[in-house]
Structure formats: C-alpha cells, structure tokens
Amino acid sequence: MPVYVMLTTLTDEGRKTIKTNPERIREVNREVEAKGVKILAQYVVFGPYDFVNILEAPDNETIAKIAIELGSRGTVQTMTMVAMSVDDFIEAIKKR
C-alpha cells in the first residue's frame, strides 16, 4: 500500500481544541483509521509544522479525501506527500 507523509499545522482554533481536549488527537486518529488509512507513526514537532504523520492508504484518492476532510474542519492545515522507500526507489531506477 502507498505510504504518505502528512505535515500538519494547527490553526488558532485547533490549538484551542488541543489545549482544552488533548485526547482529540486520538479521536481524530480513530476517525482517520475508520476511513481505511493506517497511521504508521505520528510525531509532534517544533518548527513550521506541529505534527508529522506517516500514513498508509489504499490510493491517492483516499488520502486526498482525508486531507480535505481534516482541512475543512478549520482546525488544521495539511501538506501531504507520497513517500517511497529507498529500496523501492532504487528498483524503480534500475528498471528504466
């Protein structure tokens, strides 16, 4: 299954939500997983993004729907990128 890196930034509303209900993070994770996306890893980071999420999804359409759904709530902004292991990348290059 394809792997994706989703960088997430909390909005002012998102920061308020997390401050009053930190468990909301886990609630959202369960919602995402219920839509067929597996959360492989999730990190809180310091800098221009608040979270780095490593996700596995069946296809680009599924991950796009998740990104749109999360962004439409007004609590986060996301940037999502498809990821490929180094081994898969090397094999793809060799096939050319």
C-alpha atoms as a PDB file:
ATOM      1  CA  MET A   1       0.000   0.000   0.000  1.00  0.00           C
ATOM      2  CA  PRO A   2       1.268   3.525  -0.714  1.00  0.00           C
ATOM      3  CA  VAL A   3       2.839   5.495   2.123  1.00  0.00           C
ATOM      4  CA  TYR A   4       2.267   9.216   2.646  1.00  0.00           C
ATOM      5  CA  VAL A   5       3.850  11.902   4.786  1.00  0.00           C
ATOM      6  CA  MET A   6       1.301  14.411   6.054  1.00  0.00           C
ATOM      7  CA  LEU A   7       2.641  17.570   7.646  1.00  0.00           C
ATOM      8  CA  THR A   8       0.018  19.233   9.812  1.00  0.00           C
ATOM      9  CA  THR A   9      -0.189  22.738  11.250  1.00  0.00           C
ATOM     10  CA  LEU A  10      -2.772  23.622  13.882  1.00  0.00           C
ATOM     11  CA  THR A  11      -4.872  26.733  13.329  1.00  0.00           C
ATOM     12  CA  ASP A  12      -5.755  29.019  16.246  1.00  0.00           C
ATOM     13  CA  GLU A  13      -8.986  27.033  16.634  1.00  0.00           C
ATOM     14  CA  GLY A  14      -7.020  23.764  16.567  1.00  0.00           C
ATOM     15  CA  ARG A  15      -4.657  24.936  19.291  1.00  0.00           C
ATOM     16  CA  LYS A  16      -7.645  25.912  21.467  1.00  0.00           C
ATOM     17  CA  THR A  17      -9.201  22.481  20.891  1.00  0.00           C
ATOM     18  CA  ILE A  18      -5.997  20.616  21.804  1.00  0.00           C
ATOM     19  CA  LYS A  19      -5.452  22.789  24.876  1.00  0.00           C
ATOM     20  CA  THR A  20      -8.914  22.042  26.253  1.00  0.00           C
ATOM     21  CA  ASN A  21      -9.117  18.440  24.978  1.00  0.00           C
ATOM     22  CA  PRO A  22      -5.733  16.851  24.176  1.00  0.00           C
ATOM     23  CA  GLU A  23      -7.446  13.482  23.635  1.00  0.00           C
ATOM     24  CA  ARG A  24      -8.977  14.998  20.491  1.00  0.00           C
ATOM     25  CA  ILE A  25      -5.772  13.942  18.708  1.00  0.00           C
ATOM     26  CA  ARG A  26      -6.546  10.275  19.364  1.00  0.00           C
ATOM     27  CA  GLU A  27     -10.205  10.780  18.442  1.00  0.00           C
ATOM     28  CA  VAL A  28      -9.204  12.178  15.047  1.00  0.00           C
ATOM     29  CA  ASN A  29      -6.758   9.293  14.573  1.00  0.00           C
ATOM     30  CA  ARG A  30      -9.594   6.815  15.094  1.00  0.00           C
ATOM     31  CA  GLU A  31     -11.744   8.706  12.564  1.00  0.00           C
ATOM     32  CA  VAL A  32      -8.922   8.607  10.002  1.00  0.00           C
ATOM     33  CA  GLU A  33      -8.333   4.882  10.546  1.00  0.00           C
ATOM     34  CA  ALA A  34     -12.063   4.176  10.209  1.00  0.00           C
ATOM     35  CA  LYS A  35     -11.806   5.583   6.666  1.00  0.00           C
ATOM     36  CA  GLY A  36      -9.192   2.980   5.681  1.00  0.00           C
ATOM     37  CA  VAL A  37      -5.986   4.889   6.425  1.00  0.00           C
ATOM     38  CA  LYS A  38      -3.426   3.333   8.757  1.00  0.00           C
ATOM     39  CA  ILE A  39      -1.337   5.636  10.921  1.00  0.00           C
ATOM     40  CA  LEU A  40       2.150   4.133  10.877  1.00  0.00           C
ATOM     41  CA  ALA A  41       3.747   6.869  13.010  1.00  0.00           C
ATOM     42  CA  GLN A  42       2.868  10.277  14.364  1.00  0.00           C
ATOM     43  CA  TYR A  43       5.207  12.852  15.864  1.00  0.00           C
ATOM     44  CA  VAL A  44       4.803  16.260  17.439  1.00  0.00           C
ATOM     45  CA  VAL A  45       7.494  18.546  16.014  1.00  0.00           C
ATOM     46  CA  PHE A  46       8.695  22.069  16.660  1.00  0.00           C
ATOM     47  CA  GLY A  47       9.008  24.464  13.759  1.00  0.00           C
ATOM     48  CA  PRO A  48       6.684  25.432  10.911  1.00  0.00           C
ATOM     49  CA  TYR A  49       4.625  22.226  11.374  1.00  0.00           C
ATOM     50  CA  ASP A  50       3.062  20.804  14.511  1.00  0.00           C
ATOM     51  CA  PHE A  51       2.774  17.130  13.510  1.00  0.00           C
ATOM     52  CA  VAL A  52       4.462  14.729  11.116  1.00  0.00           C
ATOM     53  CA  ASN A  53       2.193  11.817  10.266  1.00  0.00           C
ATOM     54  CA  ILE A  54       3.318   8.731   8.367  1.00  0.00           C
ATOM     55  CA  LEU A  55       0.233   7.161   6.804  1.00  0.00           C
ATOM     56  CA  GLU A  56      -0.603   4.150   4.678  1.00  0.00           C
ATOM     57  CA  ALA A  57      -3.623   4.443   2.374  1.00  0.00           C
ATOM     58  CA  PRO A  58      -5.026   2.364  -0.484  1.00  0.00           C
ATOM     59  CA  ASP A  59      -4.629   5.182  -3.037  1.00  0.00           C
ATOM     60  CA  ASN A  60      -4.201   8.896  -3.685  1.00  0.00           C
ATOM     61  CA  GLU A  61      -7.963   9.444  -3.741  1.00  0.00           C
ATOM     62  CA  THR A  62      -8.370   8.132  -0.194  1.00  0.00           C
ATOM     63  CA  ILE A  63      -5.576  10.282   1.217  1.00  0.00           C
ATOM     64  CA  ALA A  64      -6.911  13.323  -0.676  1.00  0.00           C
ATOM     65  CA  LYS A  65     -10.338  12.822   0.910  1.00  0.00           C
ATOM     66  CA  ILE A  66      -8.741  12.626   4.352  1.00  0.00           C
ATOM     67  CA  ALA A  67      -6.741  15.815   3.768  1.00  0.00           C
ATOM     68  CA  ILE A  68      -9.831  17.671   2.526  1.00  0.00           C
ATOM     69  CA  GLU A  69     -11.957  16.397   5.420  1.00  0.00           C
ATOM     70  CA  LEU A  70      -9.399  17.413   8.042  1.00  0.00           C
ATOM     71  CA  GLY A  71      -8.756  20.806   6.456  1.00  0.00           C
ATOM     72  CA  SER A  72     -12.456  21.588   6.086  1.00  0.00           C
ATOM     73  CA  ARG A  73     -12.892  21.478   9.861  1.00  0.00           C
ATOM     74  CA  GLY A  74     -10.847  24.643  10.278  1.00  0.00           C
ATOM     75  CA  THR A  75      -8.561  23.222  12.963  1.00  0.00           C
ATOM     76  CA  VAL A  76      -5.595  22.130  10.825  1.00  0.00           C
ATOM     77  CA  GLN A  77      -3.851  22.798   7.555  1.00  0.00           C
ATOM     78  CA  THR A  78      -2.119  19.876   5.863  1.00  0.00           C
ATOM     79  CA  MET A  79       0.534  19.214   3.266  1.00  0.00           C
ATOM     80  CA  THR A  80       0.617  15.619   2.035  1.00  0.00           C
ATOM     81  CA  MET A  81       3.335  13.911   0.020  1.00  0.00           C
ATOM     82  CA  VAL A  82       3.626  10.396  -1.335  1.00  0.00           C
ATOM     83  CA  ALA A  83       6.678   8.576   0.034  1.00  0.00           C
ATOM     84  CA  MET A  84       8.742   5.727  -1.369  1.00  0.00           C
ATOM     85  CA  SER A  85      11.295   3.581   0.413  1.00  0.00           C
ATOM     86  CA  VAL A  86      14.871   3.922  -0.775  1.00  0.00           C
ATOM     87  CA  ASP A  87      14.848   0.268  -1.843  1.00  0.00           C
ATOM     88  CA  ASP A  88      11.712   0.777  -3.983  1.00  0.00           C
ATOM     89  CA  PHE A  89      13.240   3.916  -5.459  1.00  0.00           C
ATOM     90  CA  ILE A  90      16.461   2.117  -6.424  1.00  0.00           C
ATOM     91  CA  GLU A  91      14.474  -0.720  -8.023  1.00  0.00           C
ATOM     92  CA  ALA A  92      12.377   1.751  -9.997  1.00  0.00           C
ATOM     93  CA  ILE A  93      15.503   3.495 -11.296  1.00  0.00           C
ATOM     94  CA  LYS A  94      17.088   0.188 -12.289  1.00  0.00           C
ATOM     95  CA  LYS A  95      14.012  -0.696 -14.395  1.00  0.00           C
ATOM     96  CA  ARG A  96      14.433   2.393 -16.558  1.00  0.00           C
END
